[in-house]
Amino acid sequence: MLTRQRKRSHRLLIVPAVTVAVARPSARMAAVLYLAYFVIAGIGQVLALQDPASALAAIVHVGGTIWYGIVALVLCRIFGDPTRGTGVLAMVSVVVGCVMQSLYYALGLGRGAEVLALAFFGLFLVFLGFLVARSTRTPPAIGVALIVGGAASFVLWLPFVPAALESAFVLGGVAELVLLLWLLVVGVRR
């Protein structure tokens, strides 16, 4: 009897896995968060233009950068899975970009930190563009514009890239605005 109890005590307890379903954020909510980011970034730019050494401008910029990370997570959740494949690459690139840009604003690390942050934000746009283009929720042209603009943003900071790519760099910002408007006005197709 004693050996039988010992054998039972050495068995592993198997617990069934629990799956938690998380609702996809709505397109309108994502658009409102995105719009709030643009407002925060605009306020930070105005404050920085008035006084480049302003601590308030740095705080607003860092807050806006953190807010952009939240927006990126919501966008990745709408168009894909931020814990798998391209979604992971998008989240890693935006987190690195946010950290570098926050350090640039908070500690004044210099132009190199900002350039590196912008390169990672460009990578984020490429990955987000891939998720958007592959999705059936929005027109693929928005995703393609994000990819082209993000790729230009990623390589524009290299010293040997021709200045002709500047228009492609602007395309990334325009594509982000188009995505914002699409989410705000049309939403996403189910």
C-alpha atoms as a PDB file:
ATOM      1  CA  MET A   1       0.000   0.000   0.000  1.00  0.00           C
ATOM      2  CA  LEU A   2       2.800   2.429   0.847  1.00  0.00           C
ATOM      3  CA  THR A   3       4.595   1.908  -2.479  1.00  0.00           C
ATOM      4  CA  ARG A   4       1.374   2.514  -4.358  1.00  0.00           C
ATOM      5  CA  GLN A   5       0.947   5.909  -2.639  1.00  0.00           C
ATOM      6  CA  ARG A   6       4.575   6.852  -3.383  1.00  0.00           C
ATOM      7  CA  LYS A   7       4.098   6.061  -7.060  1.00  0.00           C
ATOM      8  CA  ARG A   8       1.023   8.257  -7.192  1.00  0.00           C
ATOM      9  CA  SER A   9       2.808  11.161  -5.507  1.00  0.00           C
ATOM     10  CA  HIS A  10       5.496  11.172  -8.214  1.00  0.00           C
ATOM     11  CA  ARG A  11       3.004  11.619 -11.037  1.00  0.00           C
ATOM     12  CA  LEU A  12       2.726  15.016 -12.667  1.00  0.00           C
ATOM     13  CA  LEU A  13      -0.465  16.916 -12.230  1.00  0.00           C
ATOM     14  CA  ILE A  14      -1.759  17.839 -15.661  1.00  0.00           C
ATOM     15  CA  VAL A  15      -3.851  20.978 -15.771  1.00  0.00           C
ATOM     16  CA  PRO A  16      -5.824  21.754 -18.907  1.00  0.00           C
ATOM     17  CA  ALA A  17      -4.746  24.894 -20.760  1.00  0.00           C
ATOM     18  CA  VAL A  18      -6.911  27.949 -20.425  1.00  0.00           C
ATOM     19  CA  THR A  19      -7.474  30.084 -23.474  1.00  0.00           C
ATOM     20  CA  VAL A  20      -8.453  33.683 -22.925  1.00  0.00           C
ATOM     21  CA  ALA A  21     -10.135  35.446 -25.805  1.00  0.00           C
ATOM     22  CA  VAL A  22      -9.294  39.123 -26.096  1.00  0.00           C
ATOM     23  CA  ALA A  23     -11.628  41.200 -28.188  1.00  0.00           C
ATOM     24  CA  ARG A  24     -10.179  43.018 -31.149  1.00  0.00           C
ATOM     25  CA  PRO A  25     -10.145  46.776 -30.574  1.00  0.00           C
ATOM     26  CA  SER A  26     -12.547  48.724 -32.718  1.00  0.00           C
ATOM     27  CA  ALA A  27     -11.312  50.725 -35.678  1.00  0.00           C
ATOM     28  CA  ARG A  28     -12.858  53.895 -34.299  1.00  0.00           C
ATOM     29  CA  MET A  29     -11.073  53.454 -30.971  1.00  0.00           C
ATOM     30  CA  ALA A  30      -7.782  52.958 -32.804  1.00  0.00           C
ATOM     31  CA  ALA A  31      -8.458  56.073 -34.871  1.00  0.00           C
ATOM     32  CA  VAL A  32      -9.181  58.145 -31.771  1.00  0.00           C
ATOM     33  CA  LEU A  33      -5.954  56.915 -30.138  1.00  0.00           C
ATOM     34  CA  TYR A  34      -4.058  57.651 -33.363  1.00  0.00           C
ATOM     35  CA  LEU A  35      -5.593  61.138 -33.587  1.00  0.00           C
ATOM     36  CA  ALA A  36      -4.664  61.788 -29.945  1.00  0.00           C
ATOM     37  CA  TYR A  37      -1.069  60.855 -30.801  1.00  0.00           C
ATOM     38  CA  PHE A  38      -0.991  63.403 -33.633  1.00  0.00           C
ATOM     39  CA  VAL A  39      -2.336  66.079 -31.259  1.00  0.00           C
ATOM     40  CA  ILE A  40       0.222  65.219 -28.552  1.00  0.00           C
ATOM     41  CA  ALA A  41       3.067  65.225 -31.098  1.00  0.00           C
ATOM     42  CA  GLY A  42       1.877  68.564 -32.492  1.00  0.00           C
ATOM     43  CA  ILE A  43       1.783  70.134 -29.033  1.00  0.00           C
ATOM     44  CA  GLY A  44       5.292  68.800 -28.362  1.00  0.00           C
ATOM     45  CA  GLN A  45       6.559  70.323 -31.616  1.00  0.00           C
ATOM     46  CA  VAL A  46       5.013  73.714 -30.813  1.00  0.00           C
ATOM     47  CA  LEU A  47       6.548  73.681 -27.328  1.00  0.00           C
ATOM     48  CA  ALA A  48       9.940  72.670 -28.725  1.00  0.00           C
ATOM     49  CA  LEU A  49       9.835  75.465 -31.300  1.00  0.00           C
ATOM     50  CA  GLN A  50       9.093  78.027 -28.582  1.00  0.00           C
ATOM     51  CA  ASP A  51      11.882  76.785 -26.304  1.00  0.00           C
ATOM     52  CA  PRO A  52      14.111  73.946 -27.584  1.00  0.00           C
ATOM     53  CA  ALA A  53      15.516  73.323 -24.084  1.00  0.00           C
ATOM     54  CA  SER A  54      12.071  73.178 -22.468  1.00  0.00           C
ATOM     55  CA  ALA A  55      11.559  70.360 -19.977  1.00  0.00           C
ATOM     56  CA  LEU A  56       7.826  70.492 -20.677  1.00  0.00           C
ATOM     57  CA  ALA A  57       8.462  69.923 -24.397  1.00  0.00           C
ATOM     58  CA  ALA A  58      10.655  66.930 -23.570  1.00  0.00           C
ATOM     59  CA  ILE A  59       7.978  65.482 -21.276  1.00  0.00           C
ATOM     60  CA  VAL A  60       5.291  65.928 -23.929  1.00  0.00           C
ATOM     61  CA  HIS A  61       7.544  64.341 -26.560  1.00  0.00           C
ATOM     62  CA  VAL A  62       8.325  61.338 -24.351  1.00  0.00           C
ATOM     63  CA  GLY A  63       4.630  60.984 -23.482  1.00  0.00           C
ATOM     64  CA  GLY A  64       3.742  61.159 -27.170  1.00  0.00           C
ATOM     65  CA  THR A  65       6.326  58.515 -27.974  1.00  0.00           C
ATOM     66  CA  ILE A  66       4.911  56.174 -25.339  1.00  0.00           C
ATOM     67  CA  TRP A  67       1.430  56.898 -26.681  1.00  0.00           C
ATOM     68  CA  TYR A  68       2.625  55.943 -30.186  1.00  0.00           C
ATOM     69  CA  GLY A  69       3.746  52.586 -28.804  1.00  0.00           C
ATOM     70  CA  ILE A  70       0.217  52.007 -27.491  1.00  0.00           C
ATOM     71  CA  VAL A  71      -1.254  53.009 -30.857  1.00  0.00           C
ATOM     72  CA  ALA A  72       1.134  50.593 -32.583  1.00  0.00           C
ATOM     73  CA  LEU A  73      -0.014  47.740 -30.334  1.00  0.00           C
ATOM     74  CA  VAL A  74      -3.671  48.499 -31.092  1.00  0.00           C
ATOM     75  CA  LEU A  75      -2.994  48.694 -34.840  1.00  0.00           C
ATOM     76  CA  CYS A  76      -1.111  45.395 -34.783  1.00  0.00           C
ATOM     77  CA  ARG A  77      -4.009  43.867 -32.863  1.00  0.00           C
ATOM     78  CA  ILE A  78      -6.522  45.077 -35.474  1.00  0.00           C
ATOM     79  CA  PHE A  79      -4.563  43.904 -38.506  1.00  0.00           C
ATOM     80  CA  GLY A  80      -2.834  40.839 -37.124  1.00  0.00           C
ATOM     81  CA  ASP A  81      -1.464  39.208 -34.017  1.00  0.00           C
ATOM     82  CA  PRO A  82       1.215  41.236 -32.184  1.00  0.00           C
ATOM     83  CA  THR A  83       2.527  38.038 -30.599  1.00  0.00           C
ATOM     84  CA  ARG A  84       3.223  36.105 -33.816  1.00  0.00           C
ATOM     85  CA  GLY A  85       5.207  36.528 -37.032  1.00  0.00           C
ATOM     86  CA  THR A  86       5.116  39.959 -38.623  1.00  0.00           C
ATOM     87  CA  GLY A  87       3.244  41.377 -35.633  1.00  0.00           C
ATOM     88  CA  VAL A  88       6.195  40.522 -33.376  1.00  0.00           C
ATOM     89  CA  LEU A  89       8.630  42.181 -35.782  1.00  0.00           C
ATOM     90  CA  ALA A  90       6.410  45.266 -35.883  1.00  0.00           C
ATOM     91  CA  MET A  91       6.206  45.452 -32.098  1.00  0.00           C
ATOM     92  CA  VAL A  92       9.948  44.935 -31.582  1.00  0.00           C
ATOM     93  CA  SER A  93      10.816  47.648 -34.095  1.00  0.00           C
ATOM     94  CA  VAL A  94       8.358  50.149 -32.630  1.00  0.00           C
ATOM     95  CA  VAL A  95       9.526  49.454 -29.058  1.00  0.00           C
ATOM     96  CA  VAL A  96      13.177  50.008 -30.024  1.00  0.00           C
ATOM     97  CA  GLY A  97      12.150  53.180 -31.888  1.00  0.00           C
ATOM     98  CA  CYS A  98      10.153  54.429 -28.900  1.00  0.00           C
ATOM     99  CA  VAL A  99      13.002  53.753 -26.459  1.00  0.00           C
ATOM    100  CA  MET A 100      15.575  55.486 -28.689  1.00  0.00           C
ATOM    101  CA  GLN A 101      13.340  58.493 -29.321  1.00  0.00           C
ATOM    102  CA  SER A 102      12.428  58.796 -25.631  1.00  0.00           C
ATOM    103  CA  LEU A 103      16.118  58.751 -24.712  1.00  0.00           C
ATOM    104  CA  TYR A 104      16.777  61.358 -27.397  1.00  0.00           C
ATOM    105  CA  TYR A 105      14.132  63.697 -25.962  1.00  0.00           C
ATOM    106  CA  ALA A 106      14.618  62.970 -22.259  1.00  0.00           C
ATOM    107  CA  LEU A 107      18.417  62.867 -22.108  1.00  0.00           C
ATOM    108  CA  GLY A 108      19.374  64.857 -25.170  1.00  0.00           C
ATOM    109  CA  LEU A 109      21.426  61.981 -26.573  1.00  0.00           C
ATOM    110  CA  GLY A 110      22.048  63.732 -29.856  1.00  0.00           C
ATOM    111  CA  ARG A 111      20.972  63.418 -33.452  1.00  0.00           C
ATOM    112  CA  GLY A 112      22.259  59.841 -33.768  1.00  0.00           C
ATOM    113  CA  ALA A 113      19.640  58.513 -31.340  1.00  0.00           C
ATOM    114  CA  GLU A 114      16.869  60.297 -33.220  1.00  0.00           C
ATOM    115  CA  VAL A 115      18.085  58.973 -36.584  1.00  0.00           C
ATOM    116  CA  LEU A 116      18.216  55.447 -35.201  1.00  0.00           C
ATOM    117  CA  ALA A 117      14.707  55.847 -33.756  1.00  0.00           C
ATOM    118  CA  LEU A 118      13.382  57.049 -37.120  1.00  0.00           C
ATOM    119  CA  ALA A 119      14.988  54.062 -38.849  1.00  0.00           C
ATOM    120  CA  PHE A 120      13.191  51.685 -36.463  1.00  0.00           C
ATOM    121  CA  PHE A 121       9.927  53.570 -36.935  1.00  0.00           C
ATOM    122  CA  GLY A 122      10.458  53.082 -40.679  1.00  0.00           C
ATOM    123  CA  LEU A 123      10.815  49.341 -40.092  1.00  0.00           C
ATOM    124  CA  PHE A 124       7.630  49.424 -38.064  1.00  0.00           C
ATOM    125  CA  LEU A 125       5.809  51.050 -40.991  1.00  0.00           C
ATOM    126  CA  VAL A 126       7.096  48.327 -43.323  1.00  0.00           C
ATOM    127  CA  PHE A 127       5.790  45.576 -41.037  1.00  0.00           C
ATOM    128  CA  LEU A 128       2.517  47.402 -40.354  1.00  0.00           C
ATOM    129  CA  GLY A 129       2.128  47.968 -44.087  1.00  0.00           C
ATOM    130  CA  PHE A 130       2.553  44.251 -44.673  1.00  0.00           C
ATOM    131  CA  LEU A 131      -0.145  43.494 -42.103  1.00  0.00           C
ATOM    132  CA  VAL A 132      -2.479  46.118 -43.607  1.00  0.00           C
ATOM    133  CA  ALA A 133      -1.871  45.021 -47.223  1.00  0.00           C
ATOM    134  CA  ARG A 134      -2.458  41.375 -46.376  1.00  0.00           C
ATOM    135  CA  SER A 135      -5.600  42.188 -44.407  1.00  0.00           C
ATOM    136  CA  THR A 136      -8.996  42.218 -46.070  1.00  0.00           C
ATOM    137  CA  ARG A 137     -10.126  44.962 -43.716  1.00  0.00           C
ATOM    138  CA  THR A 138      -8.663  47.928 -45.647  1.00  0.00           C
ATOM    139  CA  PRO A 139      -7.626  48.661 -49.215  1.00  0.00           C
ATOM    140  CA  PRO A 140      -4.238  47.058 -49.960  1.00  0.00           C
ATOM    141  CA  ALA A 141      -2.983  50.351 -51.418  1.00  0.00           C
ATOM    142  CA  ILE A 142      -2.766  51.807 -47.903  1.00  0.00           C
ATOM    143  CA  GLY A 143      -0.509  48.931 -46.866  1.00  0.00           C
ATOM    144  CA  VAL A 144       1.675  49.282 -49.955  1.00  0.00           C
ATOM    145  CA  ALA A 145       2.076  53.020 -49.299  1.00  0.00           C
ATOM    146  CA  LEU A 146       3.078  52.255 -45.698  1.00  0.00           C
ATOM    147  CA  ILE A 147       5.653  49.729 -46.927  1.00  0.00           C
ATOM    148  CA  VAL A 148       7.183  52.138 -49.475  1.00  0.00           C
ATOM    149  CA  GLY A 149       7.193  55.066 -47.044  1.00  0.00           C
ATOM    150  CA  GLY A 150       8.577  52.944 -44.220  1.00  0.00           C
ATOM    151  CA  ALA A 151      11.357  51.523 -46.405  1.00  0.00           C
ATOM    152  CA  ALA A 152      12.288  55.041 -47.518  1.00  0.00           C
ATOM    153  CA  SER A 153      12.271  56.199 -43.896  1.00  0.00           C
ATOM    154  CA  PHE A 154      14.517  53.302 -42.947  1.00  0.00           C
ATOM    155  CA  VAL A 155      17.165  53.977 -45.624  1.00  0.00           C
ATOM    156  CA  LEU A 156      16.838  57.763 -46.015  1.00  0.00           C
ATOM    157  CA  TRP A 157      19.169  58.338 -43.079  1.00  0.00           C
ATOM    158  CA  LEU A 158      22.055  56.487 -44.704  1.00  0.00           C
ATOM    159  CA  PRO A 159      24.650  58.886 -46.159  1.00  0.00           C
ATOM    160  CA  PHE A 160      24.739  57.299 -49.631  1.00  0.00           C
ATOM    161  CA  VAL A 161      20.984  57.348 -50.334  1.00  0.00           C
ATOM    162  CA  PRO A 162      19.940  59.863 -53.011  1.00  0.00           C
ATOM    163  CA  ALA A 163      17.778  62.795 -52.024  1.00  0.00           C
ATOM    164  CA  ALA A 164      15.221  61.663 -54.611  1.00  0.00           C
ATOM    165  CA  LEU A 165      13.852  59.274 -51.981  1.00  0.00           C
ATOM    166  CA  GLU A 166      12.585  62.186 -49.892  1.00  0.00           C
ATOM    167  CA  SER A 167       9.206  62.062 -51.620  1.00  0.00           C
ATOM    168  CA  ALA A 168       8.922  58.369 -50.720  1.00  0.00           C
ATOM    169  CA  PHE A 169       9.770  59.301 -47.115  1.00  0.00           C
ATOM    170  CA  VAL A 170       6.832  61.735 -47.095  1.00  0.00           C
ATOM    171  CA  LEU A 171       4.641  58.927 -48.450  1.00  0.00           C
ATOM    172  CA  GLY A 172       4.995  57.102 -45.121  1.00  0.00           C
ATOM    173  CA  GLY A 173       3.509  60.035 -43.206  1.00  0.00           C
ATOM    174  CA  VAL A 174       0.770  60.517 -45.780  1.00  0.00           C
ATOM    175  CA  ALA A 175      -0.037  56.790 -45.642  1.00  0.00           C
ATOM    176  CA  GLU A 176      -0.309  56.985 -41.853  1.00  0.00           C
ATOM    177  CA  LEU A 177      -2.748  59.897 -42.188  1.00  0.00           C
ATOM    178  CA  VAL A 178      -4.760  57.980 -44.801  1.00  0.00           C
ATOM    179  CA  LEU A 179      -4.877  54.957 -42.491  1.00  0.00           C
ATOM    180  CA  LEU A 180      -6.034  57.210 -39.644  1.00  0.00           C
ATOM    181  CA  LEU A 181      -8.788  58.717 -41.806  1.00  0.00           C
ATOM    182  CA  TRP A 182      -9.829  55.297 -43.106  1.00  0.00           C
ATOM    183  CA  LEU A 183     -10.143  53.949 -39.555  1.00  0.00           C
ATOM    184  CA  LEU A 184     -12.001  57.052 -38.414  1.00  0.00           C
ATOM    185  CA  VAL A 185     -14.453  57.396 -41.307  1.00  0.00           C
ATOM    186  CA  VAL A 186     -14.893  53.926 -42.765  1.00  0.00           C
ATOM    187  CA  GLY A 187     -13.641  51.643 -40.020  1.00  0.00           C
ATOM    188  CA  VAL A 188     -12.527  48.161 -40.964  1.00  0.00           C
ATOM    189  CA  ARG A 189     -14.466  45.585 -42.898  1.00  0.00           C
ATOM    190  CA  ARG A 190     -15.367  42.582 -40.826  1.00  0.00           C
END
